[in-house]
Amino acid sequence: MSDKFAGKVILITGAANGIGKGAAMTFAAAGAIVVATDLQADTSEALVNGINQAGGTGHFIAHDVSSEDAWISVIDEIKSRFGRLDIVINNAGIGFTGLVTDMELSVWQKMMAVNVDGVFLGVKHSLPLMRDTGGGSIINVSSVAGIKATANFSGYCATKAAVKSFTKSAALESAAAQDGVRINSIHPGIIDTAIWDTLIGTTEDGSNEVPRAATLGGMTAEGVPFGRPGTIQEIVNGMVWLASDESSYMTGAELVLDGGFTAG
């Protein structure tokens, strides 16, 4: 890949595995300074080494995205170390399934804390530094579950729909402020990764709440018109486009990469 992101500082949450790790390696190959955050600190050395070997500059921060204090600390460290922030990918997320009547309030609240509060806090605390250094691109990772409702996924669907609508509101605020920051959401479909064990996205704790073989409301590869799951790289390619100047007229939009899953 070219050095199109050389000198750019990119923050990726939930970067220890899956889509987040794929994004870290791809942006590194394009010369970016990659700040990778996750709760899985035991993977940090290998992750940073991989980023450096790919051609970027890697830096890892242990990070609970549901904590406002943690977000303040992460942004302060980025400002102190690099002096700028150009791209943010709010990727960290968790998922649990189950009937509404069976779901514990604590489970609902945990998903909301990571999937919704984490994105809100990421935008809230990244924006000032991005504005101070000339703008940039924020990419909030939602899901096809934020577009197409599915039985037994009510909590997860609710969080991902919230991310979609929040993204639009935040984008309108940035557009009105003429701050140079574009904010969009990306909606992966069924992706060929072990992270599907915990639904779509990247888990914060690495646990496996949902078996890969689960068939819930058509949320399986068999329900994809393309007849196959997507790859991590196909999702990351969309992130690269949203992060680049090639999408300079796009904000408050959702980029759906799902093999036609939500088309019907």
C-alpha atoms as a PDB file:
ATOM      1  CA  MET A   1       0.000   0.000   0.000  1.00  0.00           C
ATOM      2  CA  SER A   2       1.125   3.572  -0.580  1.00  0.00           C
ATOM      3  CA  ASP A   3       2.141   5.929   2.206  1.00  0.00           C
ATOM      4  CA  LYS A   4      -1.172   7.812   1.922  1.00  0.00           C
ATOM      5  CA  PHE A   5      -1.501   8.016   5.717  1.00  0.00           C
ATOM      6  CA  ALA A   6       2.140   8.828   6.456  1.00  0.00           C
ATOM      7  CA  GLY A   7       2.364  11.170   9.430  1.00  0.00           C
ATOM      8  CA  LYS A   8      -1.305  10.695  10.295  1.00  0.00           C
ATOM      9  CA  VAL A   9      -2.155   9.673  13.848  1.00  0.00           C
ATOM     10  CA  ILE A  10      -4.972   7.123  14.037  1.00  0.00           C
ATOM     11  CA  LEU A  11      -6.668   5.829  17.169  1.00  0.00           C
ATOM     12  CA  ILE A  12      -8.306   2.389  16.919  1.00  0.00           C
ATOM     13  CA  THR A  13     -10.221   0.952  19.870  1.00  0.00           C
ATOM     14  CA  GLY A  14     -10.707  -2.789  20.285  1.00  0.00           C
ATOM     15  CA  ALA A  15      -7.543  -3.292  18.251  1.00  0.00           C
ATOM     16  CA  ALA A  16      -6.312  -6.547  19.802  1.00  0.00           C
ATOM     17  CA  ASN A  17      -8.050  -8.814  17.316  1.00  0.00           C
ATOM     18  CA  GLY A  18     -10.531  -9.104  14.456  1.00  0.00           C
ATOM     19  CA  ILE A  19     -11.505  -6.032  12.497  1.00  0.00           C
ATOM     20  CA  GLY A  20      -9.619  -3.726  14.837  1.00  0.00           C
ATOM     21  CA  LYS A  21      -6.361  -5.602  14.401  1.00  0.00           C
ATOM     22  CA  GLY A  22      -6.902  -5.799  10.651  1.00  0.00           C
ATOM     23  CA  ALA A  23      -7.389  -2.038  10.552  1.00  0.00           C
ATOM     24  CA  ALA A  24      -4.263  -1.450  12.617  1.00  0.00           C
ATOM     25  CA  MET A  25      -2.130  -3.479  10.218  1.00  0.00           C
ATOM     26  CA  THR A  26      -3.631  -1.934   7.091  1.00  0.00           C
ATOM     27  CA  PHE A  27      -3.205   1.657   8.240  1.00  0.00           C
ATOM     28  CA  ALA A  28       0.307   0.805   9.423  1.00  0.00           C
ATOM     29  CA  ALA A  29       1.132  -0.454   5.930  1.00  0.00           C
ATOM     30  CA  ALA A  30       0.056   2.977   4.674  1.00  0.00           C
ATOM     31  CA  GLY A  31       2.546   4.645   7.017  1.00  0.00           C
ATOM     32  CA  ALA A  32       0.263   5.755   9.828  1.00  0.00           C
ATOM     33  CA  ILE A  33       1.100   6.246  13.479  1.00  0.00           C
ATOM     34  CA  VAL A  34      -1.330   3.753  15.013  1.00  0.00           C
ATOM     35  CA  VAL A  35      -2.508   4.149  18.589  1.00  0.00           C
ATOM     36  CA  ALA A  36      -4.110   0.795  19.359  1.00  0.00           C
ATOM     37  CA  THR A  37      -6.247   0.439  22.468  1.00  0.00           C
ATOM     38  CA  ASP A  38      -7.917  -2.561  24.066  1.00  0.00           C
ATOM     39  CA  LEU A  39      -8.518  -4.245  27.409  1.00  0.00           C
ATOM     40  CA  GLN A  40      -6.447  -7.215  26.230  1.00  0.00           C
ATOM     41  CA  ALA A  41      -3.108  -5.782  27.295  1.00  0.00           C
ATOM     42  CA  ASP A  42      -1.435  -9.199  27.126  1.00  0.00           C
ATOM     43  CA  THR A  43      -1.431  -8.897  23.323  1.00  0.00           C
ATOM     44  CA  SER A  44       0.124  -5.433  23.282  1.00  0.00           C
ATOM     45  CA  GLU A  45       3.737  -6.358  22.522  1.00  0.00           C
ATOM     46  CA  ALA A  46       2.855  -8.586  19.579  1.00  0.00           C
ATOM     47  CA  LEU A  47       0.372  -6.019  18.283  1.00  0.00           C
ATOM     48  CA  VAL A  48       2.849  -3.140  18.397  1.00  0.00           C
ATOM     49  CA  ASN A  49       5.563  -5.285  16.807  1.00  0.00           C
ATOM     50  CA  GLY A  50       3.159  -6.199  14.022  1.00  0.00           C
ATOM     51  CA  ILE A  51       2.263  -2.563  13.406  1.00  0.00           C
ATOM     52  CA  ASN A  52       5.926  -1.568  13.273  1.00  0.00           C
ATOM     53  CA  GLN A  53       6.803  -4.441  10.936  1.00  0.00           C
ATOM     54  CA  ALA A  54       3.927  -3.484   8.653  1.00  0.00           C
ATOM     55  CA  GLY A  55       5.486  -0.073   8.117  1.00  0.00           C
ATOM     56  CA  GLY A  56       3.772   2.131  10.664  1.00  0.00           C
ATOM     57  CA  THR A  57       4.555   3.285  14.167  1.00  0.00           C
ATOM     58  CA  GLY A  58       2.684   1.415  16.885  1.00  0.00           C
ATOM     59  CA  HIS A  59       1.677   2.510  20.356  1.00  0.00           C
ATOM     60  CA  PHE A  60      -0.586   0.533  22.709  1.00  0.00           C
ATOM     61  CA  ILE A  61      -2.751   1.853  25.540  1.00  0.00           C
ATOM     62  CA  ALA A  62      -4.814  -0.372  27.838  1.00  0.00           C
ATOM     63  CA  HIS A  63      -8.276   1.143  27.625  1.00  0.00           C
ATOM     64  CA  ASP A  64     -11.778   0.603  28.978  1.00  0.00           C
ATOM     65  CA  VAL A  65     -13.892   2.509  26.452  1.00  0.00           C
ATOM     66  CA  SER A  66     -16.845   2.725  28.851  1.00  0.00           C
ATOM     67  CA  SER A  67     -14.807   4.867  31.279  1.00  0.00           C
ATOM     68  CA  GLU A  68     -14.743   8.623  30.755  1.00  0.00           C
ATOM     69  CA  ASP A  69     -11.595   8.947  32.871  1.00  0.00           C
ATOM     70  CA  ALA A  70      -9.907   6.381  30.626  1.00  0.00           C
ATOM     71  CA  TRP A  71     -10.857   8.341  27.521  1.00  0.00           C
ATOM     72  CA  ILE A  72      -9.511  11.572  28.994  1.00  0.00           C
ATOM     73  CA  SER A  73      -6.239   9.796  29.797  1.00  0.00           C
ATOM     74  CA  VAL A  74      -5.949   8.257  26.303  1.00  0.00           C
ATOM     75  CA  ILE A  75      -6.506  11.555  24.508  1.00  0.00           C
ATOM     76  CA  ASP A  76      -4.124  13.377  26.865  1.00  0.00           C
ATOM     77  CA  GLU A  77      -1.438  10.782  26.117  1.00  0.00           C
ATOM     78  CA  ILE A  78      -1.968  11.106  22.368  1.00  0.00           C
ATOM     79  CA  LYS A  79      -1.759  14.895  22.609  1.00  0.00           C
ATOM     80  CA  SER A  80       1.375  14.762  24.742  1.00  0.00           C
ATOM     81  CA  ARG A  81       3.152  12.128  22.650  1.00  0.00           C
ATOM     82  CA  PHE A  82       2.080  13.034  19.112  1.00  0.00           C
ATOM     83  CA  GLY A  83       0.485  16.495  19.298  1.00  0.00           C
ATOM     84  CA  ARG A  84      -2.316  15.627  16.902  1.00  0.00           C
ATOM     85  CA  LEU A  85      -5.120  13.197  16.101  1.00  0.00           C
ATOM     86  CA  ASP A  86      -6.341  12.699  12.534  1.00  0.00           C
ATOM     87  CA  ILE A  87      -8.460   9.533  12.457  1.00  0.00           C
ATOM     88  CA  VAL A  88     -10.521   7.730  15.093  1.00  0.00           C
ATOM     89  CA  ILE A  89     -12.091   4.310  14.628  1.00  0.00           C
ATOM     90  CA  ASN A  90     -14.498   3.554  17.472  1.00  0.00           C
ATOM     91  CA  ASN A  91     -14.446  -0.193  16.944  1.00  0.00           C
ATOM     92  CA  ALA A  92     -14.612  -1.808  20.398  1.00  0.00           C
ATOM     93  CA  GLY A  93     -17.855  -3.639  21.097  1.00  0.00           C
ATOM     94  CA  ILE A  94     -19.440  -6.625  22.794  1.00  0.00           C
ATOM     95  CA  GLY A  95     -22.556  -8.682  22.139  1.00  0.00           C
ATOM     96  CA  PHE A  96     -24.912 -11.005  23.965  1.00  0.00           C
ATOM     97  CA  THR A  97     -28.019 -12.706  22.629  1.00  0.00           C
ATOM     98  CA  GLY A  98     -31.244 -13.851  24.231  1.00  0.00           C
ATOM     99  CA  LEU A  99     -34.944 -13.200  24.508  1.00  0.00           C
ATOM    100  CA  VAL A 100     -36.014  -9.828  25.895  1.00  0.00           C
ATOM    101  CA  THR A 101     -37.833 -11.599  28.716  1.00  0.00           C
ATOM    102  CA  ASP A 102     -34.702 -13.548  29.647  1.00  0.00           C
ATOM    103  CA  MET A 103     -32.147 -10.737  29.412  1.00  0.00           C
ATOM    104  CA  GLU A 104     -30.737  -9.452  32.681  1.00  0.00           C
ATOM    105  CA  LEU A 105     -30.663  -5.683  33.070  1.00  0.00           C
ATOM    106  CA  SER A 106     -26.959  -5.950  33.855  1.00  0.00           C
ATOM    107  CA  VAL A 107     -26.333  -7.555  30.446  1.00  0.00           C
ATOM    108  CA  TRP A 108     -28.294  -4.814  28.664  1.00  0.00           C
ATOM    109  CA  GLN A 109     -26.381  -2.155  30.583  1.00  0.00           C
ATOM    110  CA  LYS A 110     -23.006  -3.744  29.826  1.00  0.00           C
ATOM    111  CA  MET A 111     -23.700  -3.677  26.091  1.00  0.00           C
ATOM    112  CA  MET A 112     -24.898  -0.084  26.301  1.00  0.00           C
ATOM    113  CA  ALA A 113     -21.815   0.933  28.288  1.00  0.00           C
ATOM    114  CA  VAL A 114     -19.317  -0.477  25.787  1.00  0.00           C
ATOM    115  CA  ASN A 115     -21.156  -0.149  22.471  1.00  0.00           C
ATOM    116  CA  VAL A 116     -22.919   3.185  22.994  1.00  0.00           C
ATOM    117  CA  ASP A 117     -21.202   5.020  25.850  1.00  0.00           C
ATOM    118  CA  GLY A 118     -17.833   4.007  24.388  1.00  0.00           C
ATOM    119  CA  VAL A 119     -18.648   5.580  21.025  1.00  0.00           C
ATOM    120  CA  PHE A 120     -20.138   8.707  22.611  1.00  0.00           C
ATOM    121  CA  LEU A 121     -17.077   9.202  24.816  1.00  0.00           C
ATOM    122  CA  GLY A 122     -14.759   8.550  21.887  1.00  0.00           C
ATOM    123  CA  VAL A 123     -16.368  11.276  19.805  1.00  0.00           C
ATOM    124  CA  LYS A 124     -16.719  13.682  22.728  1.00  0.00           C
ATOM    125  CA  HIS A 125     -13.091  13.525  23.767  1.00  0.00           C
ATOM    126  CA  SER A 126     -11.469  13.117  20.343  1.00  0.00           C
ATOM    127  CA  LEU A 127     -13.177  16.083  18.713  1.00  0.00           C
ATOM    128  CA  PRO A 128     -11.339  18.910  20.534  1.00  0.00           C
ATOM    129  CA  LEU A 129      -7.874  17.586  19.630  1.00  0.00           C
ATOM    130  CA  MET A 130      -8.935  16.823  16.060  1.00  0.00           C
ATOM    131  CA  ARG A 131     -10.346  20.319  15.698  1.00  0.00           C
ATOM    132  CA  ASP A 132      -7.172  21.862  17.083  1.00  0.00           C
ATOM    133  CA  THR A 133      -5.059  20.017  14.518  1.00  0.00           C
ATOM    134  CA  GLY A 134      -7.089  20.670  11.390  1.00  0.00           C
ATOM    135  CA  GLY A 135      -9.913  18.142  11.377  1.00  0.00           C
ATOM    136  CA  GLY A 136     -10.055  14.541  10.263  1.00  0.00           C
ATOM    137  CA  SER A 137     -12.326  11.507  10.120  1.00  0.00           C
ATOM    138  CA  ILE A 138     -14.192   9.630  12.838  1.00  0.00           C
ATOM    139  CA  ILE A 139     -15.524   6.176  11.949  1.00  0.00           C
ATOM    140  CA  ASN A 140     -18.010   4.612  14.334  1.00  0.00           C
ATOM    141  CA  VAL A 141     -18.409   0.864  13.925  1.00  0.00           C
ATOM    142  CA  SER A 142     -22.072  -0.086  13.956  1.00  0.00           C
ATOM    143  CA  SER A 143     -23.437  -3.256  12.319  1.00  0.00           C
ATOM    144  CA  VAL A 144     -26.105  -4.571  10.012  1.00  0.00           C
ATOM    145  CA  ALA A 145     -27.863  -5.226  13.324  1.00  0.00           C
ATOM    146  CA  GLY A 146     -28.277  -1.463  13.606  1.00  0.00           C
ATOM    147  CA  ILE A 147     -30.268  -1.483  10.349  1.00  0.00           C
ATOM    148  CA  LYS A 148     -32.097  -4.806  10.248  1.00  0.00           C
ATOM    149  CA  ALA A 149     -33.694  -6.058  13.461  1.00  0.00           C
ATOM    150  CA  THR A 150     -33.341  -9.699  14.410  1.00  0.00           C
ATOM    151  CA  ALA A 151     -35.052 -11.775  17.080  1.00  0.00           C
ATOM    152  CA  ASN A 152     -32.867 -12.685  20.057  1.00  0.00           C
ATOM    153  CA  PHE A 153     -30.502  -9.816  19.261  1.00  0.00           C
ATOM    154  CA  SER A 154     -32.606  -7.024  20.801  1.00  0.00           C
ATOM    155  CA  GLY A 155     -29.948  -5.553  23.063  1.00  0.00           C
ATOM    156  CA  TYR A 156     -27.229  -5.695  20.444  1.00  0.00           C
ATOM    157  CA  CYS A 157     -29.527  -4.280  17.756  1.00  0.00           C
ATOM    158  CA  ALA A 158     -30.478  -1.428  20.082  1.00  0.00           C
ATOM    159  CA  THR A 159     -26.855  -0.473  20.695  1.00  0.00           C
ATOM    160  CA  LYS A 160     -25.887  -0.557  17.039  1.00  0.00           C
ATOM    161  CA  ALA A 161     -28.949   1.444  15.972  1.00  0.00           C
ATOM    162  CA  ALA A 162     -28.013   3.998  18.617  1.00  0.00           C
ATOM    163  CA  VAL A 163     -24.526   4.264  17.129  1.00  0.00           C
ATOM    164  CA  LYS A 164     -26.018   4.942  13.695  1.00  0.00           C
ATOM    165  CA  SER A 165     -28.286   7.758  14.876  1.00  0.00           C
ATOM    166  CA  PHE A 166     -25.726   9.251  17.243  1.00  0.00           C
ATOM    167  CA  THR A 167     -23.237   9.381  14.378  1.00  0.00           C
ATOM    168  CA  LYS A 168     -25.632  11.411  12.255  1.00  0.00           C
ATOM    169  CA  SER A 169     -26.300  13.948  15.017  1.00  0.00           C
ATOM    170  CA  ALA A 170     -22.621  14.354  15.836  1.00  0.00           C
ATOM    171  CA  ALA A 171     -21.816  14.759  12.135  1.00  0.00           C
ATOM    172  CA  LEU A 172     -24.356  17.556  11.807  1.00  0.00           C
ATOM    173  CA  GLU A 173     -22.802  19.350  14.776  1.00  0.00           C
ATOM    174  CA  SER A 174     -19.335  19.129  13.253  1.00  0.00           C
ATOM    175  CA  ALA A 175     -20.633  20.292   9.875  1.00  0.00           C
ATOM    176  CA  ALA A 176     -22.318  23.275  11.512  1.00  0.00           C
ATOM    177  CA  ALA A 177     -19.106  24.098  13.347  1.00  0.00           C
ATOM    178  CA  GLN A 178     -17.119  23.863  10.089  1.00  0.00           C
ATOM    179  CA  ASP A 179     -14.423  22.084  12.078  1.00  0.00           C
ATOM    180  CA  GLY A 180     -13.148  19.845   9.310  1.00  0.00           C
ATOM    181  CA  VAL A 181     -14.147  16.629  11.075  1.00  0.00           C
ATOM    182  CA  ARG A 182     -16.275  14.123   9.190  1.00  0.00           C
ATOM    183  CA  ILE A 183     -18.168  11.500  11.193  1.00  0.00           C
ATOM    184  CA  ASN A 184     -19.610   8.383   9.573  1.00  0.00           C
ATOM    185  CA  SER A 185     -20.699   4.912  10.637  1.00  0.00           C
ATOM    186  CA  ILE A 186     -19.684   1.639   9.060  1.00  0.00           C
ATOM    187  CA  HIS A 187     -21.961  -1.409   9.140  1.00  0.00           C
ATOM    188  CA  PRO A 188     -20.263  -4.796   8.740  1.00  0.00           C
ATOM    189  CA  GLY A 189     -22.382  -7.805   7.908  1.00  0.00           C
ATOM    190  CA  ILE A 190     -21.562 -11.419   8.708  1.00  0.00           C
ATOM    191  CA  ILE A 191     -17.765 -11.452   8.822  1.00  0.00           C
ATOM    192  CA  ASP A 192     -15.457 -14.447   8.498  1.00  0.00           C
ATOM    193  CA  THR A 193     -13.703 -14.147  11.829  1.00  0.00           C
ATOM    194  CA  ALA A 194     -13.755 -15.849  15.201  1.00  0.00           C
ATOM    195  CA  ILE A 195     -15.131 -12.593  16.539  1.00  0.00           C
ATOM    196  CA  TRP A 196     -18.484 -13.715  15.154  1.00  0.00           C
ATOM    197  CA  ASP A 197     -18.456 -15.901  18.267  1.00  0.00           C
ATOM    198  CA  THR A 198     -19.427 -12.727  20.063  1.00  0.00           C
ATOM    199  CA  LEU A 199     -21.588 -11.294  17.272  1.00  0.00           C
ATOM    200  CA  ILE A 200     -20.143  -8.625  14.979  1.00  0.00           C
ATOM    201  CA  GLY A 201     -17.292  -6.318  15.908  1.00  0.00           C
ATOM    202  CA  THR A 202     -14.463  -6.660  18.353  1.00  0.00           C
ATOM    203  CA  THR A 203     -14.920  -7.857  21.915  1.00  0.00           C
ATOM    204  CA  GLU A 204     -13.423  -5.996  24.797  1.00  0.00           C
ATOM    205  CA  ASP A 205     -12.808  -9.005  27.024  1.00  0.00           C
ATOM    206  CA  GLY A 206     -12.175 -11.810  24.536  1.00  0.00           C
ATOM    207  CA  SER A 207     -14.974 -13.949  25.927  1.00  0.00           C
ATOM    208  CA  ASN A 208     -17.128 -16.183  23.722  1.00  0.00           C
ATOM    209  CA  GLU A 209     -20.749 -15.568  24.626  1.00  0.00           C
ATOM    210  CA  VAL A 210     -22.353 -16.772  21.386  1.00  0.00           C
ATOM    211  CA  PRO A 211     -21.416 -20.032  19.656  1.00  0.00           C
ATOM    212  CA  ARG A 212     -20.352 -19.715  16.020  1.00  0.00           C
ATOM    213  CA  ALA A 213     -22.936 -22.303  14.987  1.00  0.00           C
ATOM    214  CA  ALA A 214     -25.836 -20.336  16.466  1.00  0.00           C
ATOM    215  CA  THR A 215     -28.666 -19.745  13.999  1.00  0.00           C
ATOM    216  CA  LEU A 216     -30.621 -16.769  15.228  1.00  0.00           C
ATOM    217  CA  GLY A 217     -33.064 -14.935  13.019  1.00  0.00           C
ATOM    218  CA  GLY A 218     -31.073 -15.499   9.836  1.00  0.00           C
ATOM    219  CA  MET A 219     -27.902 -13.893  11.203  1.00  0.00           C
ATOM    220  CA  THR A 220     -25.730 -16.496   9.505  1.00  0.00           C
ATOM    221  CA  ALA A 221     -23.716 -16.677   6.309  1.00  0.00           C
ATOM    222  CA  GLU A 222     -26.553 -18.669   4.735  1.00  0.00           C
ATOM    223  CA  GLY A 223     -28.699 -15.550   4.917  1.00  0.00           C
ATOM    224  CA  VAL A 224     -26.276 -13.423   2.883  1.00  0.00           C
ATOM    225  CA  PRO A 225     -27.242 -12.942  -0.796  1.00  0.00           C
ATOM    226  CA  PHE A 226     -23.582 -13.236  -1.802  1.00  0.00           C
ATOM    227  CA  GLY A 227     -23.663 -16.684  -0.219  1.00  0.00           C
ATOM    228  CA  ARG A 228     -20.574 -16.121   1.882  1.00  0.00           C
ATOM    229  CA  PRO A 229     -19.409 -14.126   4.871  1.00  0.00           C
ATOM    230  CA  GLY A 230     -17.324 -11.021   4.351  1.00  0.00           C
ATOM    231  CA  THR A 231     -13.640 -10.844   5.166  1.00  0.00           C
ATOM    232  CA  ILE A 232     -11.950  -8.576   7.659  1.00  0.00           C
ATOM    233  CA  GLN A 233     -10.064  -6.891   4.839  1.00  0.00           C
ATOM    234  CA  GLU A 234     -13.276  -6.060   2.986  1.00  0.00           C
ATOM    235  CA  ILE A 235     -14.468  -4.146   6.047  1.00  0.00           C
ATOM    236  CA  VAL A 236     -11.104  -2.503   6.604  1.00  0.00           C
ATOM    237  CA  ASN A 237     -11.043  -1.347   2.968  1.00  0.00           C
ATOM    238  CA  GLY A 238     -14.209   0.595   3.716  1.00  0.00           C
ATOM    239  CA  MET A 239     -12.555   2.152   6.754  1.00  0.00           C
ATOM    240  CA  VAL A 240      -9.576   3.204   4.636  1.00  0.00           C
ATOM    241  CA  TRP A 241     -11.896   4.960   2.205  1.00  0.00           C
ATOM    242  CA  LEU A 242     -13.822   6.726   4.977  1.00  0.00           C
ATOM    243  CA  ALA A 243     -10.564   7.842   6.576  1.00  0.00           C
ATOM    244  CA  SER A 244      -9.124   9.209   3.345  1.00  0.00           C
ATOM    245  CA  ASP A 245      -9.738  12.408   1.419  1.00  0.00           C
ATOM    246  CA  GLU A 246     -11.421  10.289  -1.254  1.00  0.00           C
ATOM    247  CA  SER A 247     -14.572  10.431   0.914  1.00  0.00           C
ATOM    248  CA  SER A 248     -14.213  14.158   1.586  1.00  0.00           C
ATOM    249  CA  TYR A 249     -17.869  14.931   0.796  1.00  0.00           C
ATOM    250  CA  MET A 250     -19.277  12.190   3.012  1.00  0.00           C
ATOM    251  CA  THR A 251     -20.447  12.797   6.568  1.00  0.00           C
ATOM    252  CA  GLY A 252     -23.354  11.607   8.684  1.00  0.00           C
ATOM    253  CA  ALA A 253     -23.736   8.570   6.445  1.00  0.00           C
ATOM    254  CA  GLU A 254     -23.661   4.831   6.925  1.00  0.00           C
ATOM    255  CA  LEU A 255     -21.398   2.650   4.824  1.00  0.00           C
ATOM    256  CA  VAL A 256     -22.970  -0.807   4.657  1.00  0.00           C
ATOM    257  CA  LEU A 257     -20.704  -3.733   3.778  1.00  0.00           C
ATOM    258  CA  ASP A 258     -22.868  -6.821   4.089  1.00  0.00           C
ATOM    259  CA  GLY A 259     -23.036  -8.743   0.827  1.00  0.00           C
ATOM    260  CA  GLY A 260     -26.645  -7.610   0.385  1.00  0.00           C
ATOM    261  CA  PHE A 261     -27.847  -8.846   3.778  1.00  0.00           C
ATOM    262  CA  THR A 262     -29.905  -5.705   4.524  1.00  0.00           C
ATOM    263  CA  ALA A 263     -31.124  -5.199   0.947  1.00  0.00           C
ATOM    264  CA  GLY A 264     -34.100  -7.524   1.222  1.00  0.00           C
END
